[in-house]
PDB file of N, CA and C in Angstrom:
ATOM      1  N   MET A   1     -16.861 -19.964  -2.663  1.00  0.00           N
ATOM      2  CA  MET A   1     -17.492 -18.762  -3.183  1.00  0.00           C
ATOM      3  C   MET A   1     -16.612 -17.532  -2.957  1.00  0.00           C
ATOM      4  N   LYS A   2     -15.973 -17.453  -1.778  1.00  0.00           N
ATOM      5  CA  LYS A   2     -15.122 -16.321  -1.460  1.00  0.00           C
ATOM      6  C   LYS A   2     -13.896 -16.288  -2.378  1.00  0.00           C
ATOM      7  N   ILE A   3     -13.348 -17.451  -2.665  1.00  0.00           N
ATOM      8  CA  ILE A   3     -12.178 -17.534  -3.541  1.00  0.00           C
ATOM      9  C   ILE A   3     -12.557 -17.117  -4.960  1.00  0.00           C
ATOM     10  N   MET A   4     -13.754 -17.502  -5.391  1.00  0.00           N
ATOM     11  CA  MET A   4     -14.209 -17.136  -6.726  1.00  0.00           C
ATOM     12  C   MET A   4     -14.378 -15.624  -6.858  1.00  0.00           C
ATOM     13  N   LYS A   5     -14.909 -14.976  -5.818  1.00  0.00           N
ATOM     14  CA  LYS A   5     -15.052 -13.522  -5.841  1.00  0.00           C
ATOM     15  C   LYS A   5     -13.686 -12.849  -5.910  1.00  0.00           C
ATOM     16  N   LEU A   6     -12.740 -13.361  -5.150  1.00  0.00           N
ATOM     17  CA  LEU A   6     -11.392 -12.809  -5.155  1.00  0.00           C
ATOM     18  C   LEU A   6     -10.744 -12.981  -6.518  1.00  0.00           C
ATOM     19  N   LEU A   7     -10.924 -14.132  -7.122  1.00  0.00           N
ATOM     20  CA  LEU A   7     -10.362 -14.406  -8.434  1.00  0.00           C
ATOM     21  C   LEU A   7     -10.988 -13.504  -9.499  1.00  0.00           C
ATOM     22  N   MET A   8     -12.299 -13.365  -9.473  1.00  0.00           N
ATOM     23  CA  MET A   8     -12.976 -12.511 -10.447  1.00  0.00           C
ATOM     24  C   MET A   8     -12.586 -11.033 -10.264  1.00  0.00           C
ATOM     25  N   GLY A   9     -12.470 -10.594  -9.029  1.00  0.00           N
ATOM     26  CA  GLY A   9     -12.043  -9.225  -8.757  1.00  0.00           C
ATOM     27  C   GLY A   9     -10.633  -8.968  -9.255  1.00  0.00           C
ATOM     28  N   SER A  10      -9.752  -9.936  -9.061  1.00  0.00           N
ATOM     29  CA  SER A  10      -8.375  -9.794  -9.537  1.00  0.00           C
ATOM     30  C   SER A  10      -8.324  -9.757 -11.058  1.00  0.00           C
ATOM     31  N   MET A  11      -9.139 -10.570 -11.697  1.00  0.00           N
ATOM     32  CA  MET A  11      -9.169 -10.576 -13.160  1.00  0.00           C
ATOM     33  C   MET A  11      -9.703  -9.243 -13.708  1.00  0.00           C
ATOM     34  N   CYS A  12     -10.736  -8.710 -13.088  1.00  0.00           N
ATOM     35  CA  CYS A  12     -11.279  -7.417 -13.516  1.00  0.00           C
ATOM     36  C   CYS A  12     -10.260  -6.300 -13.325  1.00  0.00           C
ATOM     37  N   LEU A  13      -9.549  -6.320 -12.205  1.00  0.00           N
ATOM     38  CA  LEU A  13      -8.525  -5.310 -11.956  1.00  0.00           C
ATOM     39  C   LEU A  13      -7.402  -5.413 -12.979  1.00  0.00           C
ATOM     40  N   ALA A  14      -6.961  -6.639 -13.275  1.00  0.00           N
ATOM     41  CA  ALA A  14      -5.910  -6.835 -14.268  1.00  0.00           C
ATOM     42  C   ALA A  14      -6.368  -6.364 -15.649  1.00  0.00           C
ATOM     43  N   LEU A  15      -7.615  -6.663 -16.010  1.00  0.00           N
ATOM     44  CA  LEU A  15      -8.147  -6.222 -17.296  1.00  0.00           C
ATOM     45  C   LEU A  15      -8.224  -4.692 -17.374  1.00  0.00           C
ATOM     46  N   PHE A  16      -8.665  -4.067 -16.300  1.00  0.00           N
ATOM     47  CA  PHE A  16      -8.748  -2.609 -16.258  1.00  0.00           C
ATOM     48  C   PHE A  16      -7.367  -1.975 -16.402  1.00  0.00           C
ATOM     49  N   CYS A  17      -6.392  -2.474 -15.645  1.00  0.00           N
ATOM     50  CA  CYS A  17      -5.034  -1.918 -15.705  1.00  0.00           C
ATOM     51  C   CYS A  17      -4.412  -2.124 -17.082  1.00  0.00           C
ATOM     52  N   THR A  18      -4.632  -3.297 -17.659  1.00  0.00           N
ATOM     53  CA  THR A  18      -4.086  -3.577 -18.983  1.00  0.00           C
ATOM     54  C   THR A  18      -4.708  -2.671 -20.035  1.00  0.00           C
ATOM     55  N   SER A  19      -6.017  -2.488 -19.978  1.00  0.00           N
ATOM     56  CA  SER A  19      -6.667  -1.627 -20.961  1.00  0.00           C
ATOM     57  C   SER A  19      -6.249  -0.168 -20.787  1.00  0.00           C
ATOM     58  N   ALA A  20      -6.068   0.277 -19.553  1.00  0.00           N
ATOM     59  CA  ALA A  20      -5.608   1.651 -19.315  1.00  0.00           C
ATOM     60  C   ALA A  20      -4.195   1.840 -19.859  1.00  0.00           C
ATOM     61  N   ALA A  21      -3.334   0.852 -19.659  1.00  0.00           N
ATOM     62  CA  ALA A  21      -1.970   0.937 -20.183  1.00  0.00           C
ATOM     63  C   ALA A  21      -1.975   0.932 -21.716  1.00  0.00           C
ATOM     64  N   TRP A  22      -2.840   0.124 -22.312  1.00  0.00           N
ATOM     65  CA  TRP A  22      -2.924   0.063 -23.773  1.00  0.00           C
ATOM     66  C   TRP A  22      -3.423   1.392 -24.355  1.00  0.00           C
ATOM     67  N   ILE A  23      -4.417   1.989 -23.709  1.00  0.00           N
ATOM     68  CA  ILE A  23      -4.935   3.281 -24.173  1.00  0.00           C
ATOM     69  C   ILE A  23      -3.862   4.355 -24.053  1.00  0.00           C
ATOM     70  N   GLU A  24      -3.137   4.349 -22.951  1.00  0.00           N
ATOM     71  CA  GLU A  24      -2.075   5.331 -22.787  1.00  0.00           C
ATOM     72  C   GLU A  24      -0.970   5.118 -23.822  1.00  0.00           C
ATOM     73  N   TYR A  25      -0.663   3.888 -24.127  1.00  0.00           N
ATOM     74  CA  TYR A  25       0.344   3.582 -25.139  1.00  0.00           C
ATOM     75  C   TYR A  25      -0.080   4.136 -26.500  1.00  0.00           C
ATOM     76  N   LYS A  26      -1.345   3.951 -26.845  1.00  0.00           N
ATOM     77  CA  LYS A  26      -1.852   4.471 -28.125  1.00  0.00           C
ATOM     78  C   LYS A  26      -1.825   6.007 -28.149  1.00  0.00           C
ATOM     79  N   ILE A  27      -2.150   6.637 -27.026  1.00  0.00           N
ATOM     80  CA  ILE A  27      -2.108   8.102 -26.958  1.00  0.00           C
ATOM     81  C   ILE A  27      -0.684   8.610 -27.119  1.00  0.00           C
ATOM     82  N   VAL A  28       0.269   7.942 -26.471  1.00  0.00           N
ATOM     83  CA  VAL A  28       1.666   8.355 -26.579  1.00  0.00           C
ATOM     84  C   VAL A  28       2.153   8.192 -28.012  1.00  0.00           C
ATOM     85  N   LEU A  29       1.749   7.120 -28.668  1.00  0.00           N
ATOM     86  CA  LEU A  29       2.164   6.927 -30.060  1.00  0.00           C
ATOM     87  C   LEU A  29       1.614   8.007 -30.976  1.00  0.00           C
ATOM     88  N   SER A  30       0.383   8.419 -30.739  1.00  0.00           N
ATOM     89  CA  SER A  30      -0.226   9.375 -31.664  1.00  0.00           C
ATOM     90  C   SER A  30       0.062  10.837 -31.293  1.00  0.00           C
ATOM     91  N   LEU A  31       0.127  11.173 -30.030  1.00  0.00           N
ATOM     92  CA  LEU A  31       0.260  12.573 -29.635  1.00  0.00           C
ATOM     93  C   LEU A  31       1.614  12.935 -29.029  1.00  0.00           C
ATOM     94  N   GLY A  32       2.362  11.992 -28.597  1.00  0.00           N
ATOM     95  CA  GLY A  32       3.648  12.277 -27.973  1.00  0.00           C
ATOM     96  C   GLY A  32       3.572  12.119 -26.463  1.00  0.00           C
ATOM     97  N   SER A  33       4.716  12.180 -25.854  1.00  0.00           N
ATOM     98  CA  SER A  33       4.784  11.899 -24.420  1.00  0.00           C
ATOM     99  C   SER A  33       4.443  13.095 -23.544  1.00  0.00           C
ATOM    100  N   VAL A  34       4.424  14.287 -24.086  1.00  0.00           N
ATOM    101  CA  VAL A  34       4.153  15.479 -23.277  1.00  0.00           C
ATOM    102  C   VAL A  34       2.726  15.449 -22.737  1.00  0.00           C
ATOM    103  N   LEU A  35       1.780  15.094 -23.600  1.00  0.00           N
ATOM    104  CA  LEU A  35       0.389  15.028 -23.158  1.00  0.00           C
ATOM    105  C   LEU A  35       0.200  13.934 -22.104  1.00  0.00           C
ATOM    106  N   SER A  36       0.863  12.824 -22.301  1.00  0.00           N
ATOM    107  CA  SER A  36       0.763  11.733 -21.335  1.00  0.00           C
ATOM    108  C   SER A  36       1.353  12.135 -19.989  1.00  0.00           C
ATOM    109  N   LEU A  37       2.474  12.824 -20.022  1.00  0.00           N
ATOM    110  CA  LEU A  37       3.099  13.293 -18.780  1.00  0.00           C
ATOM    111  C   LEU A  37       2.204  14.300 -18.071  1.00  0.00           C
ATOM    112  N   PHE A  38       1.583  15.199 -18.830  1.00  0.00           N
ATOM    113  CA  PHE A  38       0.660  16.172 -18.251  1.00  0.00           C
ATOM    114  C   PHE A  38      -0.547  15.470 -17.618  1.00  0.00           C
ATOM    115  N   ALA A  39      -1.101  14.472 -18.320  1.00  0.00           N
ATOM    116  CA  ALA A  39      -2.253  13.735 -17.797  1.00  0.00           C
ATOM    117  C   ALA A  39      -1.885  12.975 -16.532  1.00  0.00           C
ATOM    118  N   LEU A  40      -0.713  12.352 -16.522  1.00  0.00           N
ATOM    119  CA  LEU A  40      -0.271  11.604 -15.342  1.00  0.00           C
ATOM    120  C   LEU A  40      -0.069  12.529 -14.155  1.00  0.00           C
ATOM    121  N   THR A  41       0.519  13.685 -14.390  1.00  0.00           N
ATOM    122  CA  THR A  41       0.740  14.648 -13.305  1.00  0.00           C
ATOM    123  C   THR A  41      -0.589  15.180 -12.770  1.00  0.00           C
ATOM    124  N   SER A  42      -1.507  15.490 -13.667  1.00  0.00           N
ATOM    125  CA  SER A  42      -2.813  15.989 -13.238  1.00  0.00           C
ATOM    126  C   SER A  42      -3.577  14.941 -12.448  1.00  0.00           C
ATOM    127  N   MET A  43      -3.539  13.700 -12.913  1.00  0.00           N
ATOM    128  CA  MET A  43      -4.237  12.624 -12.215  1.00  0.00           C
ATOM    129  C   MET A  43      -3.629  12.384 -10.831  1.00  0.00           C
ATOM    130  N   SER A  44      -2.294  12.419 -10.756  1.00  0.00           N
ATOM    131  CA  SER A  44      -1.636  12.222  -9.465  1.00  0.00           C
ATOM    132  C   SER A  44      -1.988  13.340  -8.490  1.00  0.00           C
ATOM    133  N   ALA A  45      -2.032  14.566  -8.977  1.00  0.00           N
ATOM    134  CA  ALA A  45      -2.387  15.698  -8.117  1.00  0.00           C
ATOM    135  C   ALA A  45      -3.833  15.579  -7.638  1.00  0.00           C
ATOM    136  N   ALA A  46      -4.731  15.168  -8.522  1.00  0.00           N
ATOM    137  CA  ALA A  46      -6.132  15.008  -8.134  1.00  0.00           C
ATOM    138  C   ALA A  46      -6.294  13.910  -7.089  1.00  0.00           C
ATOM    139  N   MET A  47      -5.572  12.818  -7.264  1.00  0.00           N
ATOM    140  CA  MET A  47      -5.652  11.731  -6.276  1.00  0.00           C
ATOM    141  C   MET A  47      -5.060  12.156  -4.938  1.00  0.00           C
ATOM    142  N   LEU A  48      -3.979  12.918  -4.968  1.00  0.00           N
ATOM    143  CA  LEU A  48      -3.379  13.399  -3.727  1.00  0.00           C
ATOM    144  C   LEU A  48      -4.336  14.309  -2.976  1.00  0.00           C
ATOM    145  N   VAL A  49      -4.990  15.218  -3.686  1.00  0.00           N
ATOM    146  CA  VAL A  49      -5.958  16.108  -3.047  1.00  0.00           C
ATOM    147  C   VAL A  49      -7.118  15.310  -2.465  1.00  0.00           C
ATOM    148  N   ALA A  50      -7.599  14.321  -3.204  1.00  0.00           N
ATOM    149  CA  ALA A  50      -8.708  13.500  -2.709  1.00  0.00           C
ATOM    150  C   ALA A  50      -8.304  12.708  -1.476  1.00  0.00           C
ATOM    151  N   LEU A  51      -7.088  12.182  -1.468  1.00  0.00           N
ATOM    152  CA  LEU A  51      -6.631  11.418  -0.305  1.00  0.00           C
ATOM    153  C   LEU A  51      -6.429  12.310   0.909  1.00  0.00           C
ATOM    154  N   LEU A  52      -5.936  13.515   0.693  1.00  0.00           N
ATOM    155  CA  LEU A  52      -5.728  14.422   1.830  1.00  0.00           C
ATOM    156  C   LEU A  52      -7.041  14.929   2.405  1.00  0.00           C
ATOM    157  N   ARG A  53      -8.076  15.035   1.576  1.00  0.00           N
ATOM    158  CA  ARG A  53      -9.369  15.531   2.054  1.00  0.00           C
ATOM    159  C   ARG A  53     -10.258  14.426   2.600  1.00  0.00           C
ATOM    160  N   ALA A  54      -9.898  13.169   2.364  1.00  0.00           N
ATOM    161  CA  ALA A  54     -10.738  12.055   2.804  1.00  0.00           C
ATOM    162  C   ALA A  54     -10.705  11.948   4.332  1.00  0.00           C
ATOM    163  N   PRO A  55     -11.835  11.641   4.926  1.00  0.00           N
ATOM    164  CA  PRO A  55     -11.851  11.507   6.385  1.00  0.00           C
ATOM    165  C   PRO A  55     -11.177  10.216   6.819  1.00  0.00           C
ATOM    166  N   GLU A  56     -10.582  10.268   7.998  1.00  0.00           N
ATOM    167  CA  GLU A  56     -10.007   9.057   8.559  1.00  0.00           C
ATOM    168  C   GLU A  56     -11.140   8.240   9.165  1.00  0.00           C
ATOM    169  N   GLY A  57     -11.031   6.944   9.081  1.00  0.00           N
ATOM    170  CA  GLY A  57     -12.099   6.113   9.620  1.00  0.00           C
ATOM    171  C   GLY A  57     -11.673   4.668   9.727  1.00  0.00           C
ATOM    172  N   ARG A  58     -12.617   3.859  10.135  1.00  0.00           N
ATOM    173  CA  ARG A  58     -12.360   2.426  10.243  1.00  0.00           C
ATOM    174  C   ARG A  58     -13.661   1.693   9.947  1.00  0.00           C
ATOM    175  N   GLU A  59     -13.537   0.429   9.626  1.00  0.00           N
ATOM    176  CA  GLU A  59     -14.715  -0.372   9.350  1.00  0.00           C
ATOM    177  C   GLU A  59     -14.844  -1.415  10.453  1.00  0.00           C
ATOM    178  N   ASN A  60     -16.006  -1.449  11.058  1.00  0.00           N
ATOM    179  CA  ASN A  60     -16.271  -2.449  12.078  1.00  0.00           C
ATOM    180  C   ASN A  60     -17.515  -3.237  11.689  1.00  0.00           C
ATOM    181  N   VAL A  61     -18.070  -3.993  12.604  1.00  0.00           N
ATOM    182  CA  VAL A  61     -19.216  -4.848  12.317  1.00  0.00           C
ATOM    183  C   VAL A  61     -20.431  -4.027  11.902  1.00  0.00           C
ATOM    184  N   ASP A  62     -20.592  -2.853  12.491  1.00  0.00           N
ATOM    185  CA  ASP A  62     -21.753  -2.010  12.213  1.00  0.00           C
ATOM    186  C   ASP A  62     -21.646  -1.247  10.906  1.00  0.00           C
ATOM    187  N   GLY A  63     -20.474  -1.208  10.306  1.00  0.00           N
ATOM    188  CA  GLY A  63     -20.294  -0.468   9.064  1.00  0.00           C
ATOM    189  C   GLY A  63     -19.089   0.433   9.153  1.00  0.00           C
ATOM    190  N   PHE A  64     -19.010   1.358   8.245  1.00  0.00           N
ATOM    191  CA  PHE A  64     -17.875   2.268   8.188  1.00  0.00           C
ATOM    192  C   PHE A  64     -18.110   3.441   9.124  1.00  0.00           C
ATOM    193  N   TYR A  65     -17.108   3.762   9.908  1.00  0.00           N
ATOM    194  CA  TYR A  65     -17.189   4.861  10.858  1.00  0.00           C
ATOM    195  C   TYR A  65     -16.112   5.881  10.507  1.00  0.00           C
ATOM    196  N   ALA A  66     -16.484   7.096  10.234  1.00  0.00           N
ATOM    197  CA  ALA A  66     -15.542   8.173   9.948  1.00  0.00           C
ATOM    198  C   ALA A  66     -15.592   9.156  11.100  1.00  0.00           C
ATOM    199  N   ARG A  67     -14.461   9.404  11.690  1.00  0.00           N
ATOM    200  CA  ARG A  67     -14.445  10.340  12.809  1.00  0.00           C
ATOM    201  C   ARG A  67     -14.418  11.770  12.305  1.00  0.00           C
ATOM    202  N   VAL A  68     -14.823  12.669  13.150  1.00  0.00           N
ATOM    203  CA  VAL A  68     -14.904  14.076  12.808  1.00  0.00           C
ATOM    204  C   VAL A  68     -13.495  14.641  12.723  1.00  0.00           C
ATOM    205  N   ARG A  69     -13.261  15.464  11.715  1.00  0.00           N
ATOM    206  CA  ARG A  69     -11.955  16.089  11.555  1.00  0.00           C
ATOM    207  C   ARG A  69     -11.679  17.053  12.702  1.00  0.00           C
ATOM    208  N   LYS A  70     -10.415  17.167  13.034  1.00  0.00           N
ATOM    209  CA  LYS A  70     -10.035  18.151  14.037  1.00  0.00           C
ATOM    210  C   LYS A  70     -10.098  19.528  13.399  1.00  0.00           C
ATOM    211  N   ARG A  71     -10.663  20.453  14.122  1.00  0.00           N
ATOM    212  CA  ARG A  71     -10.767  21.812  13.605  1.00  0.00           C
ATOM    213  C   ARG A  71      -9.415  22.500  13.725  1.00  0.00           C
ATOM    214  N   ARG A  72      -9.147  23.376  12.836  1.00  0.00           N
ATOM    215  CA  ARG A  72      -7.883  24.094  12.840  1.00  0.00           C
ATOM    216  C   ARG A  72      -7.980  25.419  13.588  1.00  0.00           C
ATOM    217  N   SER A  73      -9.034  25.592  14.338  1.00  0.00           N
ATOM    218  CA  SER A  73      -9.239  26.880  14.996  1.00  0.00           C
ATOM    219  C   SER A  73      -8.151  27.164  16.020  1.00  0.00           C
ATOM    220  N   ASP A  74      -7.598  26.103  16.657  1.00  0.00           N
ATOM    221  CA  ASP A  74      -6.546  26.324  17.635  1.00  0.00           C
ATOM    222  C   ASP A  74      -5.300  26.903  16.963  1.00  0.00           C
ATOM    223  N   ALA A  75      -4.960  26.369  15.796  1.00  0.00           N
ATOM    224  CA  ALA A  75      -3.801  26.895  15.079  1.00  0.00           C
ATOM    225  C   ALA A  75      -4.059  28.324  14.632  1.00  0.00           C
ATOM    226  N   VAL A  76      -5.282  28.611  14.240  1.00  0.00           N
ATOM    227  CA  VAL A  76      -5.613  29.975  13.829  1.00  0.00           C
ATOM    228  C   VAL A  76      -5.522  30.909  15.025  1.00  0.00           C
ATOM    229  N   ARG A  77      -6.056  30.478  16.151  1.00  0.00           N
ATOM    230  CA  ARG A  77      -5.975  31.326  17.351  1.00  0.00           C
ATOM    231  C   ARG A  77      -4.529  31.568  17.745  1.00  0.00           C
ATOM    232  N   ARG A  78      -3.701  30.518  17.662  1.00  0.00           N
ATOM    233  CA  ARG A  78      -2.295  30.662  18.028  1.00  0.00           C
ATOM    234  C   ARG A  78      -1.612  31.656  17.090  1.00  0.00           C
ATOM    235  N   GLY A  79      -1.931  31.582  15.797  1.00  0.00           N
ATOM    236  CA  GLY A  79      -1.365  32.532  14.839  1.00  0.00           C
ATOM    237  C   GLY A  79      -1.822  33.948  15.107  1.00  0.00           C
ATOM    238  N   GLN A  80      -3.096  34.101  15.478  1.00  0.00           N
ATOM    239  CA  GLN A  80      -3.610  35.435  15.792  1.00  0.00           C
ATOM    240  C   GLN A  80      -2.940  35.985  17.042  1.00  0.00           C
ATOM    241  N   ARG A  81      -2.727  35.122  18.042  1.00  0.00           N
ATOM    242  CA  ARG A  81      -2.054  35.576  19.262  1.00  0.00           C
ATOM    243  C   ARG A  81      -0.626  36.012  18.955  1.00  0.00           C
ATOM    244  N   THR A  82       0.057  35.244  18.106  1.00  0.00           N
ATOM    245  CA  THR A  82       1.429  35.606  17.749  1.00  0.00           C
ATOM    246  C   THR A  82       1.456  36.933  17.013  1.00  0.00           C
ATOM    247  N   ARG A  83       0.531  37.121  16.074  1.00  0.00           N
ATOM    248  CA  ARG A  83       0.473  38.366  15.309  1.00  0.00           C
ATOM    249  C   ARG A  83       0.155  39.543  16.233  1.00  0.00           C
ATOM    250  N   MET A  84      -0.775  39.350  17.166  1.00  0.00           N
ATOM    251  CA  MET A  84      -1.125  40.424  18.095  1.00  0.00           C
ATOM    252  C   MET A  84       0.048  40.748  19.010  1.00  0.00           C
ATOM    253  N   ALA A  85       0.800  39.725  19.415  1.00  0.00           N
ATOM    254  CA  ALA A  85       1.969  39.972  20.259  1.00  0.00           C
ATOM    255  C   ALA A  85       3.009  40.787  19.509  1.00  0.00           C
ATOM    256  N   LYS A  86       3.204  40.508  18.227  1.00  0.00           N
ATOM    257  CA  LYS A  86       4.156  41.288  17.433  1.00  0.00           C
ATOM    258  C   LYS A  86       3.693  42.734  17.287  1.00  0.00           C
ATOM    259  N   ILE A  87       2.399  42.898  17.039  1.00  0.00           N
ATOM    260  CA  ILE A  87       1.861  44.264  16.915  1.00  0.00           C
ATOM    261  C   ILE A  87       2.021  45.021  18.223  1.00  0.00           C
ATOM    262  N   ASP A  88       1.747  44.354  19.352  1.00  0.00           N
ATOM    263  CA  ASP A  88       1.913  44.995  20.648  1.00  0.00           C
ATOM    264  C   ASP A  88       3.372  45.369  20.896  1.00  0.00           C
ATOM    265  N   MET A  89       4.294  44.510  20.473  1.00  0.00           N
ATOM    266  CA  MET A  89       5.712  44.804  20.666  1.00  0.00           C
ATOM    267  C   MET A  89       6.116  46.027  19.840  1.00  0.00           C
ATOM    268  N   VAL A  90       5.625  46.127  18.614  1.00  0.00           N
ATOM    269  CA  VAL A  90       5.932  47.289  17.777  1.00  0.00           C
ATOM    270  C   VAL A  90       5.358  48.551  18.408  1.00  0.00           C
ATOM    271  N   ARG A  91       4.119  48.480  18.888  1.00  0.00           N
ATOM    272  CA  ARG A  91       3.514  49.646  19.545  1.00  0.00           C
ATOM    273  C   ARG A  91       4.310  50.063  20.777  1.00  0.00           C
ATOM    274  N   PHE A  92       4.768  49.082  21.544  1.00  0.00           N
ATOM    275  CA  PHE A  92       5.552  49.363  22.745  1.00  0.00           C
ATOM    276  C   PHE A  92       6.861  50.046  22.378  1.00  0.00           C
ATOM    277  N   LEU A  93       7.539  49.518  21.348  1.00  0.00           N
ATOM    278  CA  LEU A  93       8.820  50.104  20.962  1.00  0.00           C
ATOM    279  C   LEU A  93       8.640  51.505  20.383  1.00  0.00           C
ATOM    280  N   VAL A  94       7.587  51.737  19.624  1.00  0.00           N
ATOM    281  CA  VAL A  94       7.322  53.062  19.068  1.00  0.00           C
ATOM    282  C   VAL A  94       7.001  54.036  20.197  1.00  0.00           C
ATOM    283  N   ALA A  95       6.230  53.577  21.177  1.00  0.00           N
ATOM    284  CA  ALA A  95       5.889  54.442  22.316  1.00  0.00           C
ATOM    285  C   ALA A  95       7.153  54.776  23.119  1.00  0.00           C
ATOM    286  N   GLN A  96       8.039  53.815  23.330  1.00  0.00           N
ATOM    287  CA  GLN A  96       9.288  54.056  24.052  1.00  0.00           C
ATOM    288  C   GLN A  96      10.160  55.047  23.295  1.00  0.00           C
ATOM    289  N   TRP A  97      10.217  54.878  21.950  1.00  0.00           N
ATOM    290  CA  TRP A  97      11.042  55.755  21.144  1.00  0.00           C
ATOM    291  C   TRP A  97      10.512  57.191  21.168  1.00  0.00           C
ATOM    292  N   SER A  98       9.161  57.315  21.092  1.00  0.00           N
ATOM    293  CA  SER A  98       8.585  58.668  21.092  1.00  0.00           C
ATOM    294  C   SER A  98       8.736  59.324  22.442  1.00  0.00           C
ATOM    295  N   ARG A  99       8.678  58.568  23.531  1.00  0.00           N
ATOM    296  CA  ARG A  99       8.884  59.132  24.869  1.00  0.00           C
ATOM    297  C   ARG A  99      10.326  59.573  25.050  1.00  0.00           C
ATOM    298  N   ALA A 100      11.247  58.830  24.476  1.00  0.00           N
ATOM    299  CA  ALA A 100      12.665  59.169  24.627  1.00  0.00           C
ATOM    300  C   ALA A 100      13.007  60.444  23.870  1.00  0.00           C
ATOM    301  N   HIS A 101      12.314  60.722  22.766  1.00  0.00           N
ATOM    302  CA  HIS A 101      12.608  61.903  21.976  1.00  0.00           C
ATOM    303  C   HIS A 101      11.776  63.120  22.384  1.00  0.00           C
ATOM    304  N   ASN A 102      10.854  62.973  23.284  1.00  0.00           N
ATOM    305  CA  ASN A 102      10.056  64.125  23.737  1.00  0.00           C
ATOM    306  C   ASN A 102      10.690  64.808  24.864  1.00  0.00           C
TER     307      ASN A 102
END
């Protein structure tokens, strides 16, 4: 039974890929390759965005487990600290310069 499911799944996948290739071939023949290239680029970009936004996880006996994403607040805080340090350095240098000229 397991082998039959695998065989049927492979046949469905092959049929889907073949039909998608045939449809794209017909589109290229009628409209040109520019539209096909645009569609391929758009589809690739959409898949990349979906893959990057997908949660990391694993499947165990109990089902699929997706762990919580790490928050980026630490990187934001680090950036804010760096920006504040630069602002403080500018204020310090301006204060030193104004004291030297007074």
